[in-house]
Amino acid sequence: MQFLKTLFWVALAIILVLFAKSNWEAVTLNLWGGLQADVKKPVLVLAAFLLGFLPTLIIYRARIWALKRRLEPLERNASTAAPAAPASPPAAPIEAGGEERLATDSRVWPA
């Protein structure tokens, strides 16, 4: 499985390098106030990707962090809580009316 993951990332890196190499030309961006910037296409694509991806990643990480903060005290309390004692002691047989029965809580079970 690790080999397939590595193969996938290597193939993706090769595709990105080939894309960058074949599109390595300047693009003129018209900015505010008559300003112009010459930017290479792959750099522009990478900047656009990061502009869309980073806010989403930050929101995702913030939610995970908040959920972990809410869950940690509950886990801490669960791990430090003593195990519950048995509800009742083991049943002992009792003689009632010539029949032997087991007494547990309020129920009587035939033997």
Protein backbone atom coordinates (compact mmCIF):
# COMPACT_ATOMS: atom_id res chain seq x y z
CA MET A 1 0.00 0.00 0.00
CA GLN A 2 2.85 2.39 0.84
CA PHE A 3 4.35 1.67 -2.57
CA LEU A 4 1.12 2.67 -4.31
CA LYS A 5 0.94 5.90 -2.31
CA THR A 6 4.52 6.74 -3.22
CA LEU A 7 3.89 5.86 -6.87
CA PHE A 8 0.83 8.13 -6.91
CA TRP A 9 2.75 11.12 -5.49
CA VAL A 10 5.68 10.58 -7.87
CA ALA A 11 3.31 10.40 -10.86
CA LEU A 12 1.53 13.57 -9.68
CA ALA A 13 4.85 15.39 -9.27
CA ILE A 14 5.95 14.34 -12.77
CA ILE A 15 2.65 15.55 -14.26
CA LEU A 16 2.98 18.90 -12.48
CA VAL A 17 6.57 19.35 -13.67
CA LEU A 18 5.58 18.55 -17.26
CA PHE A 19 2.67 21.00 -17.02
CA ALA A 20 4.94 23.72 -15.66
CA LYS A 21 7.59 23.09 -18.32
CA SER A 22 5.16 23.20 -21.24
CA ASN A 23 3.41 26.34 -19.95
CA TRP A 24 6.42 28.34 -18.73
CA GLU A 25 5.52 31.65 -20.32
CA ALA A 26 4.80 35.06 -18.89
CA VAL A 27 1.25 36.28 -18.40
CA THR A 28 0.54 39.96 -17.84
CA LEU A 29 -1.83 40.69 -14.99
CA ASN A 30 -3.54 44.08 -14.98
CA LEU A 31 -3.67 45.19 -11.35
CA TRP A 32 -5.21 48.30 -9.77
CA GLY A 33 -4.10 51.80 -10.70
CA GLY A 34 -2.63 50.84 -14.08
CA LEU A 35 -0.12 48.47 -12.45
CA GLN A 36 0.88 45.42 -14.45
CA ALA A 37 2.67 42.29 -13.30
CA ASP A 38 4.33 39.66 -15.45
CA VAL A 39 3.84 36.25 -13.83
CA LYS A 40 4.66 32.79 -15.12
CA LYS A 41 1.57 30.59 -15.68
CA PRO A 42 2.51 27.75 -13.28
CA VAL A 43 3.17 30.28 -10.50
CA LEU A 44 -0.23 31.86 -11.18
CA VAL A 45 -1.97 28.46 -11.08
CA LEU A 46 -0.21 27.56 -7.82
CA ALA A 47 -1.16 30.91 -6.27
CA ALA A 48 -4.82 30.47 -7.29
CA PHE A 49 -4.85 26.93 -5.86
CA LEU A 50 -3.38 28.08 -2.54
CA LEU A 51 -5.78 31.03 -2.40
CA GLY A 52 -8.70 28.62 -2.49
CA PHE A 53 -7.20 25.75 -0.50
CA LEU A 54 -5.61 27.46 2.50
CA PRO A 55 -8.77 29.06 3.99
CA THR A 56 -10.56 25.73 3.73
CA LEU A 57 -7.64 23.94 5.38
CA ILE A 58 -7.52 26.50 8.20
CA ILE A 59 -11.25 26.14 8.88
CA TYR A 60 -10.95 22.34 8.86
CA ARG A 61 -8.01 22.36 11.29
CA ALA A 62 -9.80 24.84 13.58
CA ARG A 63 -12.86 22.60 13.78
CA ILE A 64 -10.75 19.53 14.53
CA TRP A 65 -8.90 21.49 17.24
CA ALA A 66 -12.18 22.67 18.81
CA LEU A 67 -13.64 19.16 18.80
CA LYS A 68 -10.50 17.73 20.40
CA ARG A 69 -10.65 20.41 23.09
CA ARG A 70 -14.23 19.40 23.86
CA LEU A 71 -13.41 15.67 23.84
CA GLU A 72 -10.23 15.67 25.97
CA PRO A 73 -11.93 16.42 29.34
CA LEU A 74 -14.48 13.68 28.70
CA GLU A 75 -11.73 11.17 27.90
CA ARG A 76 -9.75 12.27 30.96
CA ASN A 77 -12.80 11.81 33.22
CA ALA A 78 -13.58 8.43 31.70
CA SER A 79 -10.04 7.15 32.23
CA THR A 80 -9.81 8.34 35.86
CA ALA A 81 -13.28 7.10 36.89
CA ALA A 82 -13.18 4.00 39.07
CA PRO A 83 -14.73 0.89 37.61
CA ALA A 84 -18.30 0.38 38.77
CA ALA A 85 -18.89 -2.12 41.58
CA PRO A 86 -21.06 -5.14 40.79
CA ALA A 87 -24.77 -4.43 41.22
CA SER A 88 -25.31 -7.22 43.74
CA PRO A 89 -23.26 -9.91 45.47
CA PRO A 90 -23.29 -13.40 43.96
CA ALA A 91 -26.54 -15.24 44.57
CA ALA A 92 -26.67 -17.88 47.27
CA PRO A 93 -29.09 -20.82 47.12
CA ILE A 94 -31.97 -20.68 49.61
CA GLU A 95 -34.47 -23.33 50.62
CA ALA A 96 -38.07 -22.19 50.20
CA GLY A 97 -40.97 -24.61 50.45
CA GLY A 98 -38.88 -27.71 49.79
CA GLU A 99 -37.55 -26.22 46.51
CA GLU A 100 -34.09 -24.80 46.17
CA ARG A 101 -34.12 -21.32 44.55
CA LEU A 102 -31.57 -18.60 43.90
CA ALA A 103 -32.21 -15.14 45.34
CA THR A 104 -30.94 -12.21 43.29
CA ASP A 105 -32.23 -8.70 43.82
CA SER A 106 -36.03 -8.96 43.85
CA ARG A 107 -36.28 -11.84 41.39
CA VAL A 108 -36.36 -15.51 42.30
CA TRP A 109 -35.10 -17.99 39.71
CA PRO A 110 -35.82 -21.71 39.80
CA ALA A 111 -32.73 -23.85 39.99
